[in-house]
Every structure is written in structure tokens, then in C-alpha cells.
N, C-alpha and C. Protein backbone atom coordinates (compact mmCIF):
# COMPACT_ATOMS: atom_id res chain seq x y z
N MET A 1 5.95 11.62 3.69
CA MET A 1 6.13 10.87 2.46
C MET A 1 5.16 9.70 2.45
N LYS A 2 4.46 9.52 1.34
CA LYS A 2 3.52 8.42 1.19
C LYS A 2 4.21 7.28 0.44
N ILE A 3 4.09 6.07 0.99
CA ILE A 3 4.80 4.90 0.47
C ILE A 3 3.79 3.83 0.07
N TYR A 4 4.01 3.23 -1.09
CA TYR A 4 3.20 2.11 -1.56
C TYR A 4 3.86 0.82 -1.09
N VAL A 5 3.06 -0.09 -0.54
CA VAL A 5 3.55 -1.40 -0.10
C VAL A 5 2.71 -2.46 -0.82
N GLY A 6 3.33 -3.20 -1.72
CA GLY A 6 2.60 -4.19 -2.50
C GLY A 6 3.00 -5.61 -2.17
N ASN A 7 2.23 -6.56 -2.69
CA ASN A 7 2.43 -7.99 -2.51
C ASN A 7 2.25 -8.40 -1.04
N LEU A 8 1.33 -7.74 -0.36
CA LEU A 8 1.07 -8.06 1.05
C LEU A 8 0.29 -9.37 1.18
N SER A 9 0.59 -10.08 2.23
CA SER A 9 -0.22 -11.24 2.60
C SER A 9 -1.56 -10.72 3.10
N TYR A 10 -2.61 -11.49 2.89
CA TYR A 10 -3.92 -11.08 3.38
C TYR A 10 -3.97 -11.12 4.91
N ASN A 11 -2.97 -11.73 5.53
CA ASN A 11 -2.90 -11.81 6.99
C ASN A 11 -2.14 -10.65 7.62
N THR A 12 -1.49 -9.83 6.82
CA THR A 12 -0.73 -8.70 7.36
C THR A 12 -1.67 -7.65 7.92
N THR A 13 -1.37 -7.15 9.11
CA THR A 13 -2.23 -6.16 9.78
C THR A 13 -1.59 -4.78 9.77
N GLN A 14 -2.41 -3.79 10.12
CA GLN A 14 -1.90 -2.43 10.24
C GLN A 14 -0.81 -2.36 11.31
N ALA A 15 -1.01 -3.07 12.41
CA ALA A 15 -0.03 -3.06 13.50
C ALA A 15 1.32 -3.62 13.03
N THR A 16 1.29 -4.67 12.21
CA THR A 16 2.52 -5.26 11.69
C THR A 16 3.27 -4.26 10.82
N LEU A 17 2.53 -3.56 9.94
CA LEU A 17 3.18 -2.57 9.07
C LEU A 17 3.70 -1.39 9.88
N GLU A 18 2.93 -0.95 10.87
CA GLU A 18 3.39 0.15 11.73
C GLU A 18 4.70 -0.21 12.42
N GLU A 19 4.78 -1.43 12.88
CA GLU A 19 6.00 -1.89 13.56
C GLU A 19 7.18 -1.92 12.60
N GLN A 20 6.98 -2.47 11.40
CA GLN A 20 8.06 -2.55 10.41
C GLN A 20 8.57 -1.17 10.02
N PHE A 21 7.65 -0.27 9.66
CA PHE A 21 8.05 1.05 9.20
C PHE A 21 8.47 1.95 10.35
N GLY A 22 7.91 1.74 11.53
CA GLY A 22 8.24 2.54 12.71
C GLY A 22 9.70 2.42 13.12
N ALA A 23 10.36 1.36 12.71
CA ALA A 23 11.78 1.20 13.02
C ALA A 23 12.64 2.26 12.32
N TYR A 24 12.06 2.95 11.32
CA TYR A 24 12.82 3.92 10.53
C TYR A 24 12.37 5.36 10.75
N GLY A 25 11.34 5.56 11.54
CA GLY A 25 10.85 6.91 11.82
C GLY A 25 9.38 6.89 12.19
N GLN A 26 8.84 8.06 12.39
CA GLN A 26 7.44 8.20 12.82
C GLN A 26 6.48 7.86 11.69
N VAL A 27 5.57 6.92 11.97
CA VAL A 27 4.53 6.54 11.02
C VAL A 27 3.29 7.36 11.34
N GLU A 28 2.79 8.11 10.35
CA GLU A 28 1.60 8.93 10.56
C GLU A 28 0.32 8.15 10.28
N GLU A 29 0.36 7.26 9.27
CA GLU A 29 -0.85 6.54 8.89
C GLU A 29 -0.49 5.26 8.16
N VAL A 30 -1.28 4.22 8.39
CA VAL A 30 -1.19 2.97 7.64
C VAL A 30 -2.59 2.68 7.11
N ALA A 31 -2.70 2.51 5.80
CA ALA A 31 -4.01 2.22 5.19
C ALA A 31 -3.90 0.97 4.33
N ILE A 32 -4.43 -0.14 4.84
CA ILE A 32 -4.50 -1.37 4.05
C ILE A 32 -5.76 -1.26 3.20
N ILE A 33 -5.60 -1.43 1.90
CA ILE A 33 -6.71 -1.22 0.98
C ILE A 33 -7.55 -2.49 0.85
N ASN A 34 -8.86 -2.33 1.05
CA ASN A 34 -9.79 -3.45 0.97
C ASN A 34 -10.66 -3.34 -0.26
N ASP A 35 -11.12 -4.48 -0.75
CA ASP A 35 -12.04 -4.54 -1.88
C ASP A 35 -13.38 -3.97 -1.44
N ARG A 36 -13.98 -3.11 -2.25
CA ARG A 36 -15.26 -2.48 -1.89
C ARG A 36 -16.39 -3.48 -1.74
N GLU A 37 -16.40 -4.49 -2.59
CA GLU A 37 -17.52 -5.44 -2.59
C GLU A 37 -17.38 -6.52 -1.53
N THR A 38 -16.16 -7.08 -1.38
CA THR A 38 -16.00 -8.19 -0.44
C THR A 38 -15.50 -7.75 0.93
N GLY A 39 -14.86 -6.58 1.00
CA GLY A 39 -14.30 -6.11 2.26
C GLY A 39 -12.98 -6.78 2.61
N ARG A 40 -12.51 -7.67 1.75
CA ARG A 40 -11.24 -8.36 2.02
C ARG A 40 -10.08 -7.52 1.50
N PRO A 41 -8.89 -7.70 2.11
CA PRO A 41 -7.72 -6.95 1.66
C PRO A 41 -7.39 -7.25 0.20
N ARG A 42 -6.87 -6.23 -0.50
CA ARG A 42 -6.53 -6.37 -1.91
C ARG A 42 -5.04 -6.68 -2.10
N GLY A 43 -4.28 -6.74 -1.01
CA GLY A 43 -2.87 -7.11 -1.13
C GLY A 43 -1.91 -5.95 -1.23
N PHE A 44 -2.40 -4.74 -0.95
CA PHE A 44 -1.48 -3.60 -0.92
C PHE A 44 -1.94 -2.58 0.11
N ALA A 45 -1.02 -1.69 0.45
CA ALA A 45 -1.30 -0.68 1.47
C ALA A 45 -0.51 0.58 1.16
N PHE A 46 -0.86 1.65 1.86
CA PHE A 46 -0.09 2.89 1.82
C PHE A 46 0.32 3.23 3.24
N VAL A 47 1.58 3.60 3.39
CA VAL A 47 2.12 4.01 4.69
C VAL A 47 2.60 5.44 4.53
N THR A 48 2.18 6.32 5.43
CA THR A 48 2.63 7.71 5.40
C THR A 48 3.62 7.92 6.53
N MET A 49 4.83 8.33 6.16
CA MET A 49 5.89 8.60 7.13
C MET A 49 5.95 10.11 7.38
N ALA A 50 6.42 10.49 8.56
CA ALA A 50 6.45 11.89 8.96
C ALA A 50 7.39 12.74 8.11
N ASN A 51 8.49 12.14 7.62
CA ASN A 51 9.39 12.94 6.79
C ASN A 51 10.01 12.09 5.69
N ASN A 52 10.54 12.76 4.68
CA ASN A 52 11.07 12.08 3.50
C ASN A 52 12.29 11.22 3.81
N GLU A 53 13.16 11.69 4.69
CA GLU A 53 14.37 10.94 5.01
C GLU A 53 14.02 9.58 5.62
N ALA A 54 13.10 9.58 6.59
CA ALA A 54 12.67 8.32 7.20
C ALA A 54 11.99 7.44 6.16
N GLY A 55 11.21 8.05 5.28
CA GLY A 55 10.54 7.30 4.23
C GLY A 55 11.52 6.61 3.30
N GLN A 56 12.55 7.33 2.88
CA GLN A 56 13.57 6.76 1.99
C GLN A 56 14.29 5.61 2.67
N GLN A 57 14.64 5.78 3.94
CA GLN A 57 15.32 4.71 4.68
C GLN A 57 14.43 3.48 4.75
N ALA A 58 13.16 3.68 5.02
CA ALA A 58 12.22 2.56 5.12
C ALA A 58 12.09 1.85 3.78
N ILE A 59 11.97 2.60 2.69
CA ILE A 59 11.85 2.01 1.36
C ILE A 59 13.07 1.13 1.06
N GLU A 60 14.26 1.68 1.29
CA GLU A 60 15.49 0.95 1.00
C GLU A 60 15.61 -0.31 1.85
N ALA A 61 15.19 -0.24 3.10
CA ALA A 61 15.33 -1.38 4.01
C ALA A 61 14.26 -2.45 3.82
N ILE A 62 13.03 -2.04 3.51
CA ILE A 62 11.91 -2.98 3.51
C ILE A 62 11.61 -3.55 2.12
N ASN A 63 11.94 -2.83 1.05
CA ASN A 63 11.70 -3.35 -0.30
C ASN A 63 12.45 -4.67 -0.47
N GLY A 64 11.72 -5.73 -0.85
CA GLY A 64 12.33 -7.05 -1.03
C GLY A 64 12.34 -7.90 0.23
N LEU A 65 11.93 -7.32 1.36
CA LEU A 65 11.87 -8.05 2.63
C LEU A 65 10.70 -9.03 2.61
N GLU A 66 10.88 -10.18 3.23
CA GLU A 66 9.79 -11.14 3.33
C GLU A 66 9.01 -10.86 4.61
N LEU A 67 7.69 -10.74 4.47
CA LEU A 67 6.82 -10.48 5.61
C LEU A 67 5.58 -11.36 5.47
N ASP A 68 5.28 -12.12 6.48
CA ASP A 68 4.13 -13.03 6.45
C ASP A 68 4.13 -13.93 5.22
N GLY A 69 5.33 -14.38 4.82
CA GLY A 69 5.45 -15.31 3.71
C GLY A 69 5.43 -14.70 2.32
N ARG A 70 5.43 -13.38 2.23
CA ARG A 70 5.40 -12.70 0.91
C ARG A 70 6.58 -11.72 0.82
N THR A 71 7.15 -11.59 -0.38
CA THR A 71 8.24 -10.64 -0.61
C THR A 71 7.61 -9.30 -0.98
N LEU A 72 7.86 -8.28 -0.17
CA LEU A 72 7.22 -6.98 -0.34
C LEU A 72 7.83 -6.17 -1.48
N THR A 73 6.99 -5.41 -2.14
CA THR A 73 7.39 -4.40 -3.11
C THR A 73 7.08 -3.05 -2.47
N VAL A 74 8.11 -2.26 -2.24
CA VAL A 74 7.94 -0.99 -1.52
C VAL A 74 8.59 0.13 -2.33
N ASN A 75 7.82 1.19 -2.60
CA ASN A 75 8.37 2.36 -3.28
C ASN A 75 7.52 3.58 -2.96
N GLU A 76 8.03 4.74 -3.38
CA GLU A 76 7.28 5.97 -3.14
C GLU A 76 5.99 5.92 -3.94
N ALA A 77 4.89 6.28 -3.28
CA ALA A 77 3.59 6.25 -3.94
C ALA A 77 3.53 7.34 -5.01
N ARG A 78 2.92 6.99 -6.12
CA ARG A 78 2.72 7.97 -7.19
C ARG A 78 1.41 8.69 -6.94
N PRO A 79 1.35 9.98 -7.26
CA PRO A 79 0.09 10.71 -7.08
C PRO A 79 -0.98 10.17 -8.02
N LYS A 80 -2.24 10.32 -7.60
CA LYS A 80 -3.35 9.91 -8.46
C LYS A 80 -3.36 10.76 -9.72
N PRO A 81 -3.72 10.17 -10.86
CA PRO A 81 -3.82 10.98 -12.08
C PRO A 81 -4.92 12.04 -11.93
N ALA A 82 -4.70 13.20 -12.47
CA ALA A 82 -5.65 14.31 -12.33
C ALA A 82 -6.92 14.03 -13.13
N GLY A 83 -8.06 14.24 -12.50
CA GLY A 83 -9.34 14.23 -13.17
C GLY A 83 -9.85 12.89 -13.68
N GLY A 84 -9.17 11.80 -13.39
CA GLY A 84 -9.57 10.52 -13.95
C GLY A 84 -10.83 9.94 -13.35
N GLY A 85 -11.09 10.23 -12.11
CA GLY A 85 -12.25 9.62 -11.48
C GLY A 85 -11.96 8.17 -11.20
N GLY A 86 -12.78 7.55 -10.41
CA GLY A 86 -12.50 6.19 -10.01
C GLY A 86 -13.33 5.14 -10.73
N ARG A 87 -14.10 5.51 -11.70
CA ARG A 87 -14.98 4.55 -12.35
C ARG A 87 -14.38 4.06 -13.64
N ARG A 88 -14.66 2.83 -13.92
CA ARG A 88 -14.21 2.27 -15.19
C ARG A 88 -15.25 2.61 -16.25
N GLY A 89 -14.78 2.93 -17.43
CA GLY A 89 -15.70 3.31 -18.49
C GLY A 89 -16.34 2.10 -19.14
N GLY A 90 -17.12 2.36 -20.10
CA GLY A 90 -17.75 1.29 -20.85
C GLY A 90 -18.97 0.76 -20.13
N GLY A 91 -19.44 -0.27 -20.58
CA GLY A 91 -20.57 -0.89 -19.96
C GLY A 91 -20.52 -2.35 -20.34
N GLY A 92 -21.39 -3.08 -19.80
CA GLY A 92 -21.40 -4.50 -20.13
C GLY A 92 -21.81 -4.69 -21.57
N GLY A 93 -21.39 -5.76 -22.11
CA GLY A 93 -21.81 -6.12 -23.45
C GLY A 93 -23.19 -6.73 -23.34
N GLY A 94 -23.53 -7.56 -24.09
CA GLY A 94 -24.81 -8.21 -24.05
C GLY A 94 -24.99 -8.85 -25.39
N ARG A 95 -25.88 -9.72 -25.46
CA ARG A 95 -26.09 -10.36 -26.76
C ARG A 95 -27.10 -9.55 -27.54
N TRP A 96 -26.91 -9.54 -28.80
CA TRP A 96 -27.80 -8.77 -29.67
C TRP A 96 -28.98 -9.57 -30.01
């Protein structure tokens, strides 16, 4: 089960998240998402748990928990929309 973890402190590490979620079952992967341009954390992560039951227990226990001074938002990750691509449309404006 893939879990979204939001409102993370920029100081939260993968090891910290592994420890928190590991209390509820086997953690397969922790991915803290970084900004492409700056390389700094964007304040959210995805945690993949080995099974759905452990994932549900972790969500219920950790959602609303304070970690590194921030109250976490934790829920099941939604799948990416089909075919959307990762680029924003449009282009810059400019003066005429």
C-alpha cells in the first residue's frame, strides 16, 4: 500500500519516517519528494508498506501526529491521473 505523508518538516529524514511507519509493519520504501530545481524537500513523502492492513493501521495511528514540530497529514496515496504528463501547459506571457 502506498501512503501519502504531507505537512512534513524540512528536517524530517527517511530514517525518521521508516521508524514511525515501521512500528506498524514492514516498510518497503520511503521517498521524500524534493524540488527539481533547488533539491530541497517539498514537504511531503510517499511511504510504501508491505501490505494493506499494516498501511491502514499506520494511517490511522500517524495521521494528525506531530513529528519534528509539524502535524502530519497521512492518507492512502491516490494514483496518478492517466496520460496527464508532468508538464504544466501554457507558456509565459510577455509584453506586447
